[in-house]
PDB file of N, CA and C in Angstrom:
ATOM      1  N   MET A   1       3.264  11.032   7.973  1.00  0.00           N
ATOM      2  CA  MET A   1       2.599   9.775   7.783  1.00  0.00           C
ATOM      3  C   MET A   1       3.464   8.907   6.870  1.00  0.00           C
ATOM      4  N   PHE A   2       3.616   7.653   7.234  1.00  0.00           N
ATOM      5  CA  PHE A   2       4.383   6.729   6.401  1.00  0.00           C
ATOM      6  C   PHE A   2       3.787   5.338   6.492  1.00  0.00           C
ATOM      7  N   LEU A   3       4.147   4.534   5.540  1.00  0.00           N
ATOM      8  CA  LEU A   3       3.656   3.163   5.464  1.00  0.00           C
ATOM      9  C   LEU A   3       4.387   2.316   6.496  1.00  0.00           C
ATOM     10  N   GLN A   4       3.638   1.625   7.327  1.00  0.00           N
ATOM     11  CA  GLN A   4       4.247   0.804   8.362  1.00  0.00           C
ATOM     12  C   GLN A   4       4.297  -0.667   7.962  1.00  0.00           C
ATOM     13  N   GLU A   5       3.228  -1.152   7.338  1.00  0.00           N
ATOM     14  CA  GLU A   5       3.141  -2.579   7.033  1.00  0.00           C
ATOM     15  C   GLU A   5       2.113  -2.816   5.932  1.00  0.00           C
ATOM     16  N   ILE A   6       2.371  -3.797   5.095  1.00  0.00           N
ATOM     17  CA  ILE A   6       1.421  -4.222   4.081  1.00  0.00           C
ATOM     18  C   ILE A   6       1.123  -5.698   4.323  1.00  0.00           C
ATOM     19  N   ILE A   7      -0.164  -6.025   4.379  1.00  0.00           N
ATOM     20  CA  ILE A   7      -0.578  -7.417   4.520  1.00  0.00           C
ATOM     21  C   ILE A   7      -1.329  -7.784   3.250  1.00  0.00           C
ATOM     22  N   ILE A   8      -0.793  -8.725   2.503  1.00  0.00           N
ATOM     23  CA  ILE A   8      -1.398  -9.153   1.250  1.00  0.00           C
ATOM     24  C   ILE A   8      -1.792 -10.618   1.403  1.00  0.00           C
ATOM     25  N   ASP A   9      -3.038 -10.915   1.102  1.00  0.00           N
ATOM     26  CA  ASP A   9      -3.523 -12.292   1.259  1.00  0.00           C
ATOM     27  C   ASP A   9      -4.503 -12.594   0.143  1.00  0.00           C
ATOM     28  N   GLY A  10      -4.128 -13.442  -0.791  1.00  0.00           N
ATOM     29  CA  GLY A  10      -5.016 -13.827  -1.882  1.00  0.00           C
ATOM     30  C   GLY A  10      -5.134 -12.782  -2.969  1.00  0.00           C
ATOM     31  N   PHE A  11      -4.155 -11.925  -3.103  1.00  0.00           N
ATOM     32  CA  PHE A  11      -4.187 -10.883  -4.126  1.00  0.00           C
ATOM     33  C   PHE A  11      -3.118 -11.174  -5.166  1.00  0.00           C
ATOM     34  N   LYS A  12      -3.553 -11.370  -6.395  1.00  0.00           N
ATOM     35  CA  LYS A  12      -2.669 -11.661  -7.528  1.00  0.00           C
ATOM     36  C   LYS A  12      -1.712 -12.798  -7.204  1.00  0.00           C
ATOM     37  N   SER A  13      -0.389 -12.553  -7.226  1.00  0.00           N
ATOM     38  CA  SER A  13       0.580 -13.640  -7.016  1.00  0.00           C
ATOM     39  C   SER A  13       0.779 -13.988  -5.544  1.00  0.00           C
ATOM     40  N   TYR A  14       0.080 -13.294  -4.645  1.00  0.00           N
ATOM     41  CA  TYR A  14       0.233 -13.554  -3.210  1.00  0.00           C
ATOM     42  C   TYR A  14      -0.944 -14.377  -2.702  1.00  0.00           C
ATOM     43  N   ALA A  15      -0.965 -15.661  -3.048  1.00  0.00           N
ATOM     44  CA  ALA A  15      -2.055 -16.548  -2.643  1.00  0.00           C
ATOM     45  C   ALA A  15      -2.045 -16.778  -1.132  1.00  0.00           C
ATOM     46  N   GLN A  16      -0.859 -16.859  -0.553  1.00  0.00           N
ATOM     47  CA  GLN A  16      -0.717 -17.033   0.887  1.00  0.00           C
ATOM     48  C   GLN A  16      -0.532 -15.672   1.547  1.00  0.00           C
ATOM     49  N   LYS A  17      -0.933 -15.567   2.805  1.00  0.00           N
ATOM     50  CA  LYS A  17      -0.785 -14.314   3.538  1.00  0.00           C
ATOM     51  C   LYS A  17       0.687 -13.920   3.594  1.00  0.00           C
ATOM     52  N   THR A  18       0.969 -12.695   3.162  1.00  0.00           N
ATOM     53  CA  THR A  18       2.336 -12.174   3.148  1.00  0.00           C
ATOM     54  C   THR A  18       2.342 -10.826   3.845  1.00  0.00           C
ATOM     55  N   VAL A  19       3.241 -10.653   4.791  1.00  0.00           N
ATOM     56  CA  VAL A  19       3.371  -9.389   5.515  1.00  0.00           C
ATOM     57  C   VAL A  19       4.688  -8.747   5.114  1.00  0.00           C
ATOM     58  N   VAL A  20       4.609  -7.515   4.623  1.00  0.00           N
ATOM     59  CA  VAL A  20       5.792  -6.746   4.266  1.00  0.00           C
ATOM     60  C   VAL A  20       5.873  -5.610   5.274  1.00  0.00           C
ATOM     61  N   SER A  21       6.942  -5.575   6.066  1.00  0.00           N
ATOM     62  CA  SER A  21       7.072  -4.542   7.093  1.00  0.00           C
ATOM     63  C   SER A  21       8.516  -4.039   7.117  1.00  0.00           C
ATOM     64  N   GLY A  22       8.794  -3.160   8.051  1.00  0.00           N
ATOM     65  CA  GLY A  22      10.143  -2.622   8.177  1.00  0.00           C
ATOM     66  C   GLY A  22      10.389  -1.445   7.260  1.00  0.00           C
ATOM     67  N   PHE A  23       9.333  -0.725   6.902  1.00  0.00           N
ATOM     68  CA  PHE A  23       9.482   0.425   6.021  1.00  0.00           C
ATOM     69  C   PHE A  23      10.142   1.586   6.760  1.00  0.00           C
ATOM     70  N   ASP A  24      10.949   2.330   6.050  1.00  0.00           N
ATOM     71  CA  ASP A  24      11.599   3.523   6.594  1.00  0.00           C
ATOM     72  C   ASP A  24      10.682   4.726   6.348  1.00  0.00           C
ATOM     73  N   PRO A  25      10.592   5.657   7.284  1.00  0.00           N
ATOM     74  CA  PRO A  25       9.730   6.823   7.084  1.00  0.00           C
ATOM     75  C   PRO A  25      10.183   7.745   5.944  1.00  0.00           C
ATOM     76  N   GLN A  26      11.440   7.652   5.522  1.00  0.00           N
ATOM     77  CA  GLN A  26      11.976   8.577   4.531  1.00  0.00           C
ATOM     78  C   GLN A  26      12.005   8.026   3.107  1.00  0.00           C
ATOM     79  N   PHE A  27      12.476   6.803   2.930  1.00  0.00           N
ATOM     80  CA  PHE A  27      12.665   6.273   1.581  1.00  0.00           C
ATOM     81  C   PHE A  27      12.591   4.757   1.602  1.00  0.00           C
ATOM     82  N   ASN A  28      11.936   4.190   0.592  1.00  0.00           N
ATOM     83  CA  ASN A  28      11.829   2.737   0.469  1.00  0.00           C
ATOM     84  C   ASN A  28      11.902   2.333  -0.992  1.00  0.00           C
ATOM     85  N   ALA A  29      12.402   1.149  -1.237  1.00  0.00           N
ATOM     86  CA  ALA A  29      12.458   0.594  -2.584  1.00  0.00           C
ATOM     87  C   ALA A  29      12.153  -0.900  -2.492  1.00  0.00           C
ATOM     88  N   ILE A  30      11.431  -1.398  -3.469  1.00  0.00           N
ATOM     89  CA  ILE A  30      11.133  -2.830  -3.538  1.00  0.00           C
ATOM     90  C   ILE A  30      11.936  -3.395  -4.692  1.00  0.00           C
ATOM     91  N   THR A  31      12.824  -4.319  -4.381  1.00  0.00           N
ATOM     92  CA  THR A  31      13.690  -4.896  -5.408  1.00  0.00           C
ATOM     93  C   THR A  31      13.520  -6.407  -5.430  1.00  0.00           C
ATOM     94  N   GLY A  32      13.893  -7.002  -6.535  1.00  0.00           N
ATOM     95  CA  GLY A  32      13.822  -8.458  -6.648  1.00  0.00           C
ATOM     96  C   GLY A  32      13.935  -8.890  -8.095  1.00  0.00           C
ATOM     97  N   LEU A  33      14.017 -10.168  -8.276  1.00  0.00           N
ATOM     98  CA  LEU A  33      14.125 -10.731  -9.610  1.00  0.00           C
ATOM     99  C   LEU A  33      12.819 -10.567 -10.389  1.00  0.00           C
ATOM    100  N   ASN A  34      12.919 -10.681 -11.699  1.00  0.00           N
ATOM    101  CA  ASN A  34      11.722 -10.626 -12.537  1.00  0.00           C
ATOM    102  C   ASN A  34      10.744 -11.727 -12.131  1.00  0.00           C
ATOM    103  N   GLY A  35       9.465 -11.368 -12.067  1.00  0.00           N
ATOM    104  CA  GLY A  35       8.433 -12.357 -11.761  1.00  0.00           C
ATOM    105  C   GLY A  35       8.243 -12.672 -10.289  1.00  0.00           C
ATOM    106  N   THR A  36       8.821 -11.872  -9.395  1.00  0.00           N
ATOM    107  CA  THR A  36       8.697 -12.165  -7.964  1.00  0.00           C
ATOM    108  C   THR A  36       7.577 -11.392  -7.279  1.00  0.00           C
ATOM    109  N   GLY A  37       6.816 -10.578  -8.027  1.00  0.00           N
ATOM    110  CA  GLY A  37       5.646  -9.912  -7.454  1.00  0.00           C
ATOM    111  C   GLY A  37       5.864  -8.489  -6.984  1.00  0.00           C
ATOM    112  N   LYS A  38       6.942  -7.852  -7.418  1.00  0.00           N
ATOM    113  CA  LYS A  38       7.204  -6.469  -6.998  1.00  0.00           C
ATOM    114  C   LYS A  38       6.071  -5.530  -7.380  1.00  0.00           C
ATOM    115  N   SER A  39       5.642  -5.592  -8.617  1.00  0.00           N
ATOM    116  CA  SER A  39       4.582  -4.690  -9.076  1.00  0.00           C
ATOM    117  C   SER A  39       3.242  -5.022  -8.412  1.00  0.00           C
ATOM    118  N   ASN A  40       3.059  -6.262  -7.997  1.00  0.00           N
ATOM    119  CA  ASN A  40       1.812  -6.634  -7.327  1.00  0.00           C
ATOM    120  C   ASN A  40       1.697  -5.994  -5.948  1.00  0.00           C
ATOM    121  N   ILE A  41       2.823  -5.655  -5.333  1.00  0.00           N
ATOM    122  CA  ILE A  41       2.779  -4.928  -4.064  1.00  0.00           C
ATOM    123  C   ILE A  41       2.207  -3.539  -4.301  1.00  0.00           C
ATOM    124  N   LEU A  42       2.702  -2.830  -5.315  1.00  0.00           N
ATOM    125  CA  LEU A  42       2.147  -1.517  -5.649  1.00  0.00           C
ATOM    126  C   LEU A  42       0.687  -1.644  -6.075  1.00  0.00           C
ATOM    127  N   ASP A  43       0.366  -2.671  -6.848  1.00  0.00           N
ATOM    128  CA  ASP A  43      -1.025  -2.882  -7.268  1.00  0.00           C
ATOM    129  C   ASP A  43      -1.946  -3.075  -6.064  1.00  0.00           C
ATOM    130  N   SER A  44      -1.476  -3.768  -5.034  1.00  0.00           N
ATOM    131  CA  SER A  44      -2.310  -3.980  -3.848  1.00  0.00           C
ATOM    132  C   SER A  44      -2.547  -2.670  -3.099  1.00  0.00           C
ATOM    133  N   ILE A  45      -1.527  -1.823  -3.034  1.00  0.00           N
ATOM    134  CA  ILE A  45      -1.693  -0.508  -2.398  1.00  0.00           C
ATOM    135  C   ILE A  45      -2.700   0.326  -3.191  1.00  0.00           C
ATOM    136  N   CYS A  46      -2.568   0.330  -4.498  1.00  0.00           N
ATOM    137  CA  CYS A  46      -3.486   1.083  -5.364  1.00  0.00           C
ATOM    138  C   CYS A  46      -4.909   0.563  -5.226  1.00  0.00           C
ATOM    139  N   PHE A  47      -5.061  -0.750  -5.128  1.00  0.00           N
ATOM    140  CA  PHE A  47      -6.383  -1.352  -4.992  1.00  0.00           C
ATOM    141  C   PHE A  47      -7.076  -0.859  -3.726  1.00  0.00           C
ATOM    142  N   VAL A  48      -6.351  -0.871  -2.609  1.00  0.00           N
ATOM    143  CA  VAL A  48      -6.932  -0.443  -1.330  1.00  0.00           C
ATOM    144  C   VAL A  48      -7.251   1.050  -1.350  1.00  0.00           C
ATOM    145  N   LEU A  49      -6.408   1.857  -1.989  1.00  0.00           N
ATOM    146  CA  LEU A  49      -6.637   3.301  -2.046  1.00  0.00           C
ATOM    147  C   LEU A  49      -7.650   3.689  -3.117  1.00  0.00           C
ATOM    148  N   GLY A  50      -8.068   2.744  -3.936  1.00  0.00           N
ATOM    149  CA  GLY A  50      -9.050   3.030  -4.971  1.00  0.00           C
ATOM    150  C   GLY A  50      -8.460   3.687  -6.204  1.00  0.00           C
ATOM    151  N   ILE A  51      -7.174   3.518  -6.412  1.00  0.00           N
ATOM    152  CA  ILE A  51      -6.500   4.103  -7.564  1.00  0.00           C
ATOM    153  C   ILE A  51      -6.661   3.154  -8.745  1.00  0.00           C
ATOM    154  N   GLN A  52      -7.179   3.680  -9.849  1.00  0.00           N
ATOM    155  CA  GLN A  52      -7.432   2.819 -10.998  1.00  0.00           C
ATOM    156  C   GLN A  52      -6.374   2.917 -12.085  1.00  0.00           C
ATOM    157  N   ASN A  53      -5.571   3.968 -12.056  1.00  0.00           N
ATOM    158  CA  ASN A  53      -4.457   4.032 -13.008  1.00  0.00           C
ATOM    159  C   ASN A  53      -3.260   4.680 -12.334  1.00  0.00           C
ATOM    160  N   LEU A  54      -2.076   4.323 -12.775  1.00  0.00           N
ATOM    161  CA  LEU A  54      -0.855   4.768 -12.107  1.00  0.00           C
ATOM    162  C   LEU A  54      -0.628   6.271 -12.190  1.00  0.00           C
ATOM    163  N   ALA A  55      -1.298   6.958 -13.098  1.00  0.00           N
ATOM    164  CA  ALA A  55      -1.165   8.406 -13.181  1.00  0.00           C
ATOM    165  C   ALA A  55      -1.729   9.077 -11.924  1.00  0.00           C
ATOM    166  N   GLN A  56      -2.638   8.411 -11.228  1.00  0.00           N
ATOM    167  CA  GLN A  56      -3.232   8.960 -10.011  1.00  0.00           C
ATOM    168  C   GLN A  56      -2.349   8.777  -8.780  1.00  0.00           C
ATOM    169  N   VAL A  57      -1.411   7.863  -8.816  1.00  0.00           N
ATOM    170  CA  VAL A  57      -0.612   7.529  -7.630  1.00  0.00           C
ATOM    171  C   VAL A  57       0.093   8.752  -7.070  1.00  0.00           C
ATOM    172  N   SER A  58       0.806   9.460  -7.897  1.00  0.00           N
ATOM    173  CA  SER A  58       1.581  10.604  -7.441  1.00  0.00           C
ATOM    174  C   SER A  58       0.697  11.662  -6.795  1.00  0.00           C
ATOM    175  N   SER A  59      -0.408  12.005  -7.431  1.00  0.00           N
ATOM    176  CA  SER A  59      -1.263  13.057  -6.893  1.00  0.00           C
ATOM    177  C   SER A  59      -1.929  12.642  -5.580  1.00  0.00           C
ATOM    178  N   ILE A  60      -2.352  11.392  -5.471  1.00  0.00           N
ATOM    179  CA  ILE A  60      -2.987  10.929  -4.233  1.00  0.00           C
ATOM    180  C   ILE A  60      -1.980  10.869  -3.091  1.00  0.00           C
ATOM    181  N   LEU A  61      -0.761  10.399  -3.360  1.00  0.00           N
ATOM    182  CA  LEU A  61       0.250  10.351  -2.309  1.00  0.00           C
ATOM    183  C   LEU A  61       0.648  11.754  -1.856  1.00  0.00           C
ATOM    184  N   LYS A  62       0.692  12.699  -2.786  1.00  0.00           N
ATOM    185  CA  LYS A  62       0.975  14.091  -2.411  1.00  0.00           C
ATOM    186  C   LYS A  62      -0.129  14.645  -1.515  1.00  0.00           C
ATOM    187  N   LEU A  63      -1.385  14.340  -1.825  1.00  0.00           N
ATOM    188  CA  LEU A  63      -2.485  14.792  -0.980  1.00  0.00           C
ATOM    189  C   LEU A  63      -2.398  14.190   0.417  1.00  0.00           C
ATOM    190  N   LEU A  64      -2.106  12.902   0.494  1.00  0.00           N
ATOM    191  CA  LEU A  64      -1.970  12.259   1.802  1.00  0.00           C
ATOM    192  C   LEU A  64      -0.846  12.889   2.610  1.00  0.00           C
ATOM    193  N   ALA A  65       0.283  13.140   1.964  1.00  0.00           N
ATOM    194  CA  ALA A  65       1.422  13.734   2.659  1.00  0.00           C
ATOM    195  C   ALA A  65       1.145  15.176   3.056  1.00  0.00           C
ATOM    196  N   THR A  66       0.425  15.896   2.221  1.00  0.00           N
ATOM    197  CA  THR A  66       0.179  17.315   2.469  1.00  0.00           C
ATOM    198  C   THR A  66      -0.848  17.543   3.568  1.00  0.00           C
ATOM    199  N   PHE A  67      -1.926  16.765   3.575  1.00  0.00           N
ATOM    200  CA  PHE A  67      -3.026  17.053   4.483  1.00  0.00           C
ATOM    201  C   PHE A  67      -3.092  16.163   5.718  1.00  0.00           C
ATOM    202  N   ALA A  68      -2.181  15.223   5.866  1.00  0.00           N
ATOM    203  CA  ALA A  68      -2.209  14.340   7.041  1.00  0.00           C
ATOM    204  C   ALA A  68      -2.049  15.135   8.331  1.00  0.00           C
ATOM    205  N   HIS A  69      -1.256  16.197   8.308  1.00  0.00           N
ATOM    206  CA  HIS A  69      -1.027  16.993   9.521  1.00  0.00           C
ATOM    207  C   HIS A  69      -2.235  17.838   9.911  1.00  0.00           C
ATOM    208  N   THR A  70      -3.208  18.005   9.022  1.00  0.00           N
ATOM    209  CA  THR A  70      -4.379  18.828   9.330  1.00  0.00           C
ATOM    210  C   THR A  70      -5.421  18.066  10.150  1.00  0.00           C
ATOM    211  N   ILE A  71      -5.180  16.800  10.396  1.00  0.00           N
ATOM    212  CA  ILE A  71      -6.083  15.999  11.222  1.00  0.00           C
ATOM    213  C   ILE A  71      -5.379  15.782  12.561  1.00  0.00           C
ATOM    214  N   PRO A  72      -5.603  16.678  13.532  1.00  0.00           N
ATOM    215  CA  PRO A  72      -4.815  16.674  14.762  1.00  0.00           C
ATOM    216  C   PRO A  72      -4.928  15.397  15.594  1.00  0.00           C
ATOM    217  N   HIS A  73      -6.072  14.745  15.590  1.00  0.00           N
ATOM    218  CA  HIS A  73      -6.243  13.545  16.405  1.00  0.00           C
ATOM    219  C   HIS A  73      -5.770  12.268  15.707  1.00  0.00           C
ATOM    220  N   LEU A  74      -5.310  12.380  14.457  1.00  0.00           N
ATOM    221  CA  LEU A  74      -4.865  11.197  13.719  1.00  0.00           C
ATOM    222  C   LEU A  74      -3.503  10.740  14.226  1.00  0.00           C
ATOM    223  N   ILE A  75      -3.464   9.547  14.777  1.00  0.00           N
ATOM    224  CA  ILE A  75      -2.205   8.968  15.237  1.00  0.00           C
ATOM    225  C   ILE A  75      -1.713   7.964  14.216  1.00  0.00           C
ATOM    226  N   SER A  76      -2.623   7.184  13.702  1.00  0.00           N
ATOM    227  CA  SER A  76      -2.278   6.219  12.662  1.00  0.00           C
ATOM    228  C   SER A  76      -3.515   5.958  11.812  1.00  0.00           C
ATOM    229  N   CYS A  77      -3.295   5.326  10.709  1.00  0.00           N
ATOM    230  CA  CYS A  77      -4.390   5.021   9.794  1.00  0.00           C
ATOM    231  C   CYS A  77      -4.182   3.604   9.282  1.00  0.00           C
ATOM    232  N   ARG A  78      -5.246   2.847   9.193  1.00  0.00           N
ATOM    233  CA  ARG A  78      -5.136   1.470   8.720  1.00  0.00           C
ATOM    234  C   ARG A  78      -6.261   1.205   7.740  1.00  0.00           C
ATOM    235  N   SER A  79      -5.928   0.566   6.680  1.00  0.00           N
ATOM    236  CA  SER A  79      -6.932   0.196   5.693  1.00  0.00           C
ATOM    237  C   SER A  79      -6.753  -1.279   5.372  1.00  0.00           C
ATOM    238  N   GLU A  80      -7.826  -2.011   5.478  1.00  0.00           N
ATOM    239  CA  GLU A  80      -7.767  -3.438   5.190  1.00  0.00           C
ATOM    240  C   GLU A  80      -9.039  -3.818   4.459  1.00  0.00           C
ATOM    241  N   LEU A  81      -8.905  -4.663   3.490  1.00  0.00           N
ATOM    242  CA  LEU A  81     -10.055  -5.062   2.693  1.00  0.00           C
ATOM    243  C   LEU A  81     -10.072  -6.583   2.612  1.00  0.00           C
ATOM    244  N   ALA A  82     -11.183  -7.156   2.942  1.00  0.00           N
ATOM    245  CA  ALA A  82     -11.337  -8.612   2.843  1.00  0.00           C
ATOM    246  C   ALA A  82     -12.506  -8.918   1.930  1.00  0.00           C
ATOM    247  N   ILE A  83     -12.270  -9.724   0.919  1.00  0.00           N
ATOM    248  CA  ILE A  83     -13.332 -10.118  -0.011  1.00  0.00           C
ATOM    249  C   ILE A  83     -13.409 -11.637   0.001  1.00  0.00           C
ATOM    250  N   PHE A  84     -14.610 -12.152   0.213  1.00  0.00           N
ATOM    251  CA  PHE A  84     -14.803 -13.592   0.267  1.00  0.00           C
ATOM    252  C   PHE A  84     -15.798 -14.015  -0.793  1.00  0.00           C
ATOM    253  N   LYS A  85     -15.561 -15.155  -1.401  1.00  0.00           N
ATOM    254  CA  LYS A  85     -16.551 -15.724  -2.320  1.00  0.00           C
ATOM    255  C   LYS A  85     -17.716 -16.259  -1.496  1.00  0.00           C
ATOM    256  N   SER A  86     -18.925 -16.028  -1.992  1.00  0.00           N
ATOM    257  CA  SER A  86     -20.079 -16.567  -1.234  1.00  0.00           C
ATOM    258  C   SER A  86     -20.572 -17.852  -1.858  1.00  0.00           C
TER     259      SER A  86
END
């Protein structure tokens, strides 16, 4: 299992819809100048996964990598969250 695409819209510094794709199944790095929103990409992933502190990231990603193969019918997984002001 690997990350295929991230769609960020209205989250922190990403006021406009932004699609980040082209991830490699083996290794990825997000680089850029200071203040360009690199950490907000990780924050958006953590938000969707329900991770409240960065100490949980490693353990949750290990669980996903370890047990993804135990779900034989799983071809892909998608998580999207939309929050609107009422």
